[in-house]
Protein backbone atom coordinates (compact mmCIF):
# COMPACT_ATOMS: atom_id res chain seq x y z
CA MET A 1 133.96 87.27 74.59
CA PRO A 2 133.33 85.16 71.40
CA ARG A 3 130.02 83.40 70.95
CA PRO A 4 130.38 79.68 70.37
CA VAL A 5 130.32 78.04 67.18
CA HIS A 6 127.14 75.88 68.37
CA ARG A 7 125.07 76.49 71.56
CA ARG A 8 126.54 74.89 74.45
CA VAL A 9 124.70 72.87 77.18
CA LEU A 10 126.63 72.28 80.12
CA THR A 11 125.42 70.59 83.56
CA VAL A 12 127.63 71.89 86.57
CA ALA A 13 127.83 68.60 88.73
CA ASN A 14 129.39 67.12 91.65
CA GLN A 15 127.57 65.02 94.26
CA LYS A 16 130.26 66.51 96.93
CA GLY A 17 128.47 69.63 98.54
CA GLY A 18 130.66 72.82 99.20
CA VAL A 19 132.56 72.59 96.13
CA GLY A 20 131.44 75.64 94.37
CA LYS A 21 129.11 74.43 92.10
CA THR A 22 126.57 77.25 92.42
CA THR A 23 129.13 79.62 93.03
CA SER A 24 130.73 78.70 89.74
CA THR A 25 127.63 78.44 87.83
CA VAL A 26 126.24 82.00 88.53
CA ASN A 27 129.95 83.68 88.25
CA LEU A 28 130.66 82.06 85.07
CA ALA A 29 127.35 82.87 83.53
CA ALA A 30 127.38 86.45 84.90
CA ALA A 31 131.01 86.90 83.43
CA LEU A 32 129.96 85.60 79.88
CA ALA A 33 126.70 87.75 79.90
CA MET A 34 128.69 90.74 80.88
CA HIS A 35 130.85 90.14 77.97
CA GLY A 36 128.08 90.00 75.27
CA VAL A 37 127.20 86.12 75.50
CA ARG A 38 123.62 85.29 76.20
CA VAL A 39 123.19 82.67 78.83
CA LEU A 40 120.51 80.71 80.58
CA VAL A 41 120.94 79.43 83.98
CA ILE A 42 118.82 76.49 85.11
CA ASP A 43 118.55 76.11 89.03
CA LEU A 44 117.91 72.60 89.65
CA ASP A 45 118.74 72.58 93.18
CA PRO A 46 115.35 72.77 95.39
CA GLN A 47 117.82 75.14 97.76
CA GLY A 48 117.46 77.80 95.33
CA ASN A 49 121.02 79.37 95.76
CA ALA A 50 121.61 80.07 92.38
CA SER A 51 118.17 82.05 92.11
CA THR A 52 119.26 84.05 95.07
CA ALA A 53 122.70 84.84 93.78
CA LEU A 54 121.20 86.03 90.34
CA GLY A 55 118.35 88.26 92.08
CA VAL A 56 115.68 86.37 90.72
CA GLU A 57 112.55 85.81 92.84
CA HIS A 58 111.78 82.01 93.86
CA ARG A 59 109.13 82.09 96.44
CA LEU A 60 106.59 79.49 96.41
CA GLY A 61 104.09 79.97 93.89
CA THR A 62 106.60 81.48 91.45
CA PRO A 63 106.71 79.90 87.92
CA SER A 64 109.71 77.68 88.03
CA VAL A 65 111.75 74.74 86.75
CA TYR A 66 109.30 72.31 88.96
CA GLU A 67 106.58 73.31 86.66
CA VAL A 68 108.74 73.01 83.62
CA LEU A 69 109.60 69.45 84.56
CA LEU A 70 106.02 68.39 85.04
CA GLY A 71 105.14 69.88 81.38
CA GLU A 72 103.10 72.39 82.95
CA ILE A 73 104.50 75.41 81.27
CA ARG A 74 107.18 76.13 78.73
CA LEU A 75 110.62 77.20 79.31
CA ALA A 76 110.20 80.57 78.09
CA GLU A 77 107.37 81.26 80.41
CA ALA A 78 109.55 80.37 83.75
CA ALA A 79 112.68 82.15 82.52
CA VAL A 80 113.42 85.46 83.72
CA ALA A 81 115.88 88.12 83.40
CA SER A 82 118.67 88.28 86.01
CA THR A 83 119.57 91.59 87.68
CA ALA A 84 123.24 90.71 87.23
CA SER A 85 123.09 91.44 83.36
CA PRO A 86 120.34 91.74 80.50
CA ASN A 87 121.97 88.77 78.84
CA LEU A 88 121.42 86.72 81.47
CA LEU A 89 118.25 84.50 82.20
CA CYS A 90 117.55 82.21 84.79
CA VAL A 91 114.86 79.55 85.44
CA PRO A 92 114.39 79.56 89.29
CA ALA A 93 114.01 76.83 91.52
CA THR A 94 111.43 76.95 94.51
CA ILE A 95 110.81 74.58 97.28
CA ASP A 96 108.48 72.54 95.29
CA LEU A 97 111.34 71.16 93.60
CA ALA A 98 112.42 69.04 96.64
CA GLY A 99 109.32 66.73 96.23
CA ALA A 100 109.98 66.40 92.37
CA GLU A 101 112.25 63.58 92.41
CA ILE A 102 109.59 61.34 94.17
CA GLU A 103 106.78 62.69 91.53
CA LEU A 104 109.05 61.95 88.66
CA VAL A 105 109.64 58.35 89.89
CA SER A 106 106.14 57.35 88.31
CA MET A 107 106.49 59.30 85.12
CA VAL A 108 107.28 57.86 81.70
CA ALA A 109 110.74 58.81 80.32
CA ARG A 110 111.43 60.42 83.96
CA GLU A 111 114.99 60.85 82.98
CA GLN A 112 114.15 62.89 79.92
CA ARG A 113 111.95 65.56 81.30
CA LEU A 114 114.54 68.33 81.41
CA LYS A 115 115.68 67.49 77.85
CA GLN A 116 112.15 67.43 76.46
CA ALA A 117 111.93 70.94 77.85
CA LEU A 118 115.10 72.15 76.44
CA THR A 119 114.37 71.71 72.87
CA ALA A 120 116.24 73.61 70.10
CA ASP A 121 112.97 75.69 69.50
CA ALA A 122 112.65 76.41 73.09
CA LEU A 123 116.24 77.86 73.35
CA ASP A 124 115.91 79.65 69.96
CA GLU A 125 112.78 81.42 71.50
CA LEU A 126 115.13 82.52 74.39
CA ASP A 127 118.09 83.21 72.11
CA VAL A 128 120.68 82.07 74.16
CA ASP A 129 124.41 80.72 73.59
CA TYR A 130 125.26 78.86 76.56
CA VAL A 131 122.77 77.02 79.13
CA LEU A 132 124.26 76.28 82.48
CA ILE A 133 122.58 73.75 84.60
CA ASP A 134 123.24 74.02 88.56
CA CYS A 135 122.86 70.46 90.18
CA PRO A 136 121.98 69.62 93.60
CA PRO A 137 124.78 67.89 95.57
CA SER A 138 123.55 64.25 94.98
CA LEU A 139 123.31 61.70 92.27
CA GLY A 140 119.44 61.57 92.36
CA LEU A 141 117.12 61.79 89.52
CA LEU A 142 117.26 65.81 89.14
CA THR A 143 121.05 65.27 88.40
CA VAL A 144 120.10 62.33 85.93
CA ASN A 145 118.01 64.79 84.16
CA ALA A 146 120.39 67.52 84.04
CA LEU A 147 123.23 65.02 82.70
CA VAL A 148 120.61 63.92 79.99
CA ALA A 149 119.62 67.32 78.75
CA ALA A 150 123.19 68.28 78.26
CA ASP A 151 126.08 67.58 76.09
CA GLU A 152 128.81 68.88 78.42
CA VAL A 153 129.67 68.27 82.00
CA LEU A 154 131.47 71.27 84.10
CA ILE A 155 132.90 69.64 87.46
CA PRO A 156 134.07 71.99 89.89
CA ILE A 157 136.97 70.37 92.04
CA GLN A 158 137.76 71.83 95.57
CA CYS A 159 141.66 71.84 96.08
CA GLU A 160 141.44 70.14 99.32
CA TYR A 161 141.88 66.64 100.61
CA TYR A 162 138.56 65.09 100.02
CA ALA A 163 138.13 66.46 96.49
CA LEU A 164 138.86 63.67 94.55
CA GLU A 165 136.78 61.10 97.02
CA GLY A 166 133.53 60.68 95.33
CA LEU A 167 134.76 61.94 91.99
CA GLY A 168 135.28 58.17 90.75
CA GLN A 169 131.63 57.79 91.47
CA LEU A 170 130.48 60.70 89.55
CA LEU A 171 132.58 59.80 86.61
CA SER A 172 131.11 56.38 86.71
CA ASN A 173 127.58 57.69 86.96
CA ILE A 174 128.49 60.18 83.75
CA ASP A 175 129.57 56.79 82.02
CA LEU A 176 126.31 55.00 82.73
CA VAL A 177 124.19 58.10 81.57
CA ARG A 178 126.32 57.95 78.15
CA ALA A 179 125.84 54.39 77.61
CA HIS A 180 122.20 54.13 78.34
CA LEU A 181 120.45 57.60 78.07
CA ASN A 182 122.87 60.16 76.19
CA THR A 183 125.71 59.10 73.79
CA ASP A 184 126.60 62.89 73.54
CA LEU A 185 127.48 63.26 77.00
CA HIS A 186 131.39 64.18 78.05
CA VAL A 187 133.55 65.80 80.58
CA SER A 188 134.70 69.05 78.71
CA THR A 189 135.64 71.30 81.67
CA ILE A 190 137.01 70.80 85.11
CA LEU A 191 137.57 73.94 87.04
CA LEU A 192 139.50 73.93 90.27
CA THR A 193 138.15 75.96 93.04
CA MET A 194 138.68 77.25 96.69
CA TYR A 195 142.49 77.29 96.07
CA ASP A 196 144.79 78.21 98.82
CA GLY A 197 148.33 79.04 97.74
CA ARG A 198 149.39 79.13 101.24
CA THR A 199 149.22 75.24 101.57
CA LYS A 200 151.36 72.49 99.85
CA LEU A 201 148.13 70.56 99.80
CA ALA A 202 146.55 72.91 97.32
CA ASP A 203 149.27 72.23 94.98
CA GLN A 204 149.37 68.65 95.29
CA VAL A 205 145.45 68.25 94.44
CA THR A 206 146.14 70.88 91.43
CA THR A 207 149.04 68.65 90.27
CA GLU A 208 147.11 65.55 90.67
CA VAL A 209 144.13 66.61 88.68
CA ARG A 210 145.95 68.07 85.95
CA THR A 211 148.32 65.05 85.72
CA HIS A 212 145.20 62.95 85.29
CA PHE A 213 142.72 65.05 83.44
CA GLY A 214 145.19 67.16 81.10
CA PRO A 215 143.63 69.77 78.86
CA THR A 216 140.07 69.30 80.28
CA VAL A 217 141.37 71.22 83.48
CA LEU A 218 140.87 74.95 82.93
CA ARG A 219 144.28 76.84 83.45
CA THR A 220 142.51 79.37 85.32
CA VAL A 221 142.13 78.38 89.41
CA ILE A 222 139.43 79.97 91.48
CA PRO A 223 141.13 81.25 94.69
CA ARG A 224 139.58 80.85 98.38
CA SER A 225 137.87 84.27 98.68
CA VAL A 226 135.83 86.03 101.50
CA LYS A 227 134.42 88.30 98.57
CA VAL A 228 133.00 85.21 96.61
CA SER A 229 131.59 83.75 99.81
CA GLU A 230 129.74 87.20 100.75
CA ALA A 231 128.35 87.95 97.58
CA PRO A 232 125.16 85.63 97.58
CA GLY A 233 124.10 87.22 101.01
CA TYR A 234 123.39 90.53 99.08
CA SER A 235 121.53 88.60 96.09
CA GLN A 236 124.46 89.30 93.72
CA THR A 237 127.31 87.65 91.81
CA VAL A 238 130.89 88.29 93.18
CA LEU A 239 131.34 90.19 89.55
CA ALA A 240 128.42 92.78 90.81
CA TYR A 241 129.54 92.62 94.39
CA ASP A 242 133.25 93.45 94.05
CA PRO A 243 134.37 93.28 90.32
CA GLY A 244 137.98 94.14 91.26
CA SER A 245 138.25 91.10 93.76
CA ARG A 246 140.97 88.47 92.98
CA GLY A 247 137.60 85.95 93.02
CA ALA A 248 135.56 88.19 90.34
CA MET A 249 138.73 88.42 88.04
CA SER A 250 139.41 84.60 88.28
CA TYR A 251 136.06 83.80 87.11
CA VAL A 252 136.26 86.24 84.38
CA ASP A 253 139.28 84.47 83.22
CA ALA A 254 137.74 80.91 83.54
CA ALA A 255 134.68 82.18 81.57
CA ARG A 256 137.08 83.61 78.96
CA GLU A 257 138.82 80.30 78.43
CA ILE A 258 135.30 78.37 78.30
CA ALA A 259 134.13 81.08 75.58
CA GLU A 260 137.44 80.57 73.63
CA ARG A 261 137.19 76.71 73.54
CA GLY A 262 133.34 76.99 72.37
CA ALA A 263 134.45 79.65 69.79
CA SER A 264 137.20 77.51 68.38
CA GLY A 265 135.19 74.23 68.38
CA ARG A 266 137.71 72.52 70.46
CA ILE A 267 135.48 71.26 73.52
CA ARG A 268 136.05 67.43 73.59
CA THR A 269 139.56 67.50 75.30
CA ASP A 270 139.24 64.28 77.18
CA GLY A 271 138.98 62.22 74.15
CA ARG A 272 135.89 60.42 75.30
């Protein structure tokens, strides 16, 4: 896959739980890394599911994104290589992160803590082309930090009835962050997940999202897949667990689309 014209920092966000945020983050990252692109995943969810899927240690006491946010360690000190690919690095999340929102409240420039850690020099040291930030399923201070630190937002949307509920709230929050904290922020990519071709509803949601968001939506749709759900139980991405499965191949296709957009420089597809 082609490397991007400029380094891309994408926040994967949706305050609705169970839409495939973490699954999409780790599998897109693994697909890019397996095809020659250098990727850093920042696990900003206290549950640490992205760290688990990437085979990265995240027990209490492990150097993690928590210490990075507090400014106690540099980004490079927390980043470790994933078992998924030598091109894939991960900054893990430990349970300490659960209390970080409370601790950050009293800090100066609390919304900028992650951005201050993700300097050009820090990312040059790691030599990465893509940074993917996996957010918790909420619109709290951790998610705001992720939105301030990134230029782009990738929104996974589940092909189900409740998918579009709450999306308006997320877009409003992105607009607020853009207006007050990060003027470069924009929704560059929307990925449809958990598509079940047997239902009329999935097609209705897909049509509605494509009509509303146009070329921002990737052509590739991620199908509902047992293999995708099983892979984290083995501390693996679906690309390692079952590379021939529909789910794995769909994530490779989606990653290729993202990479091609990055290489062409055609990233701002929403006109905002």
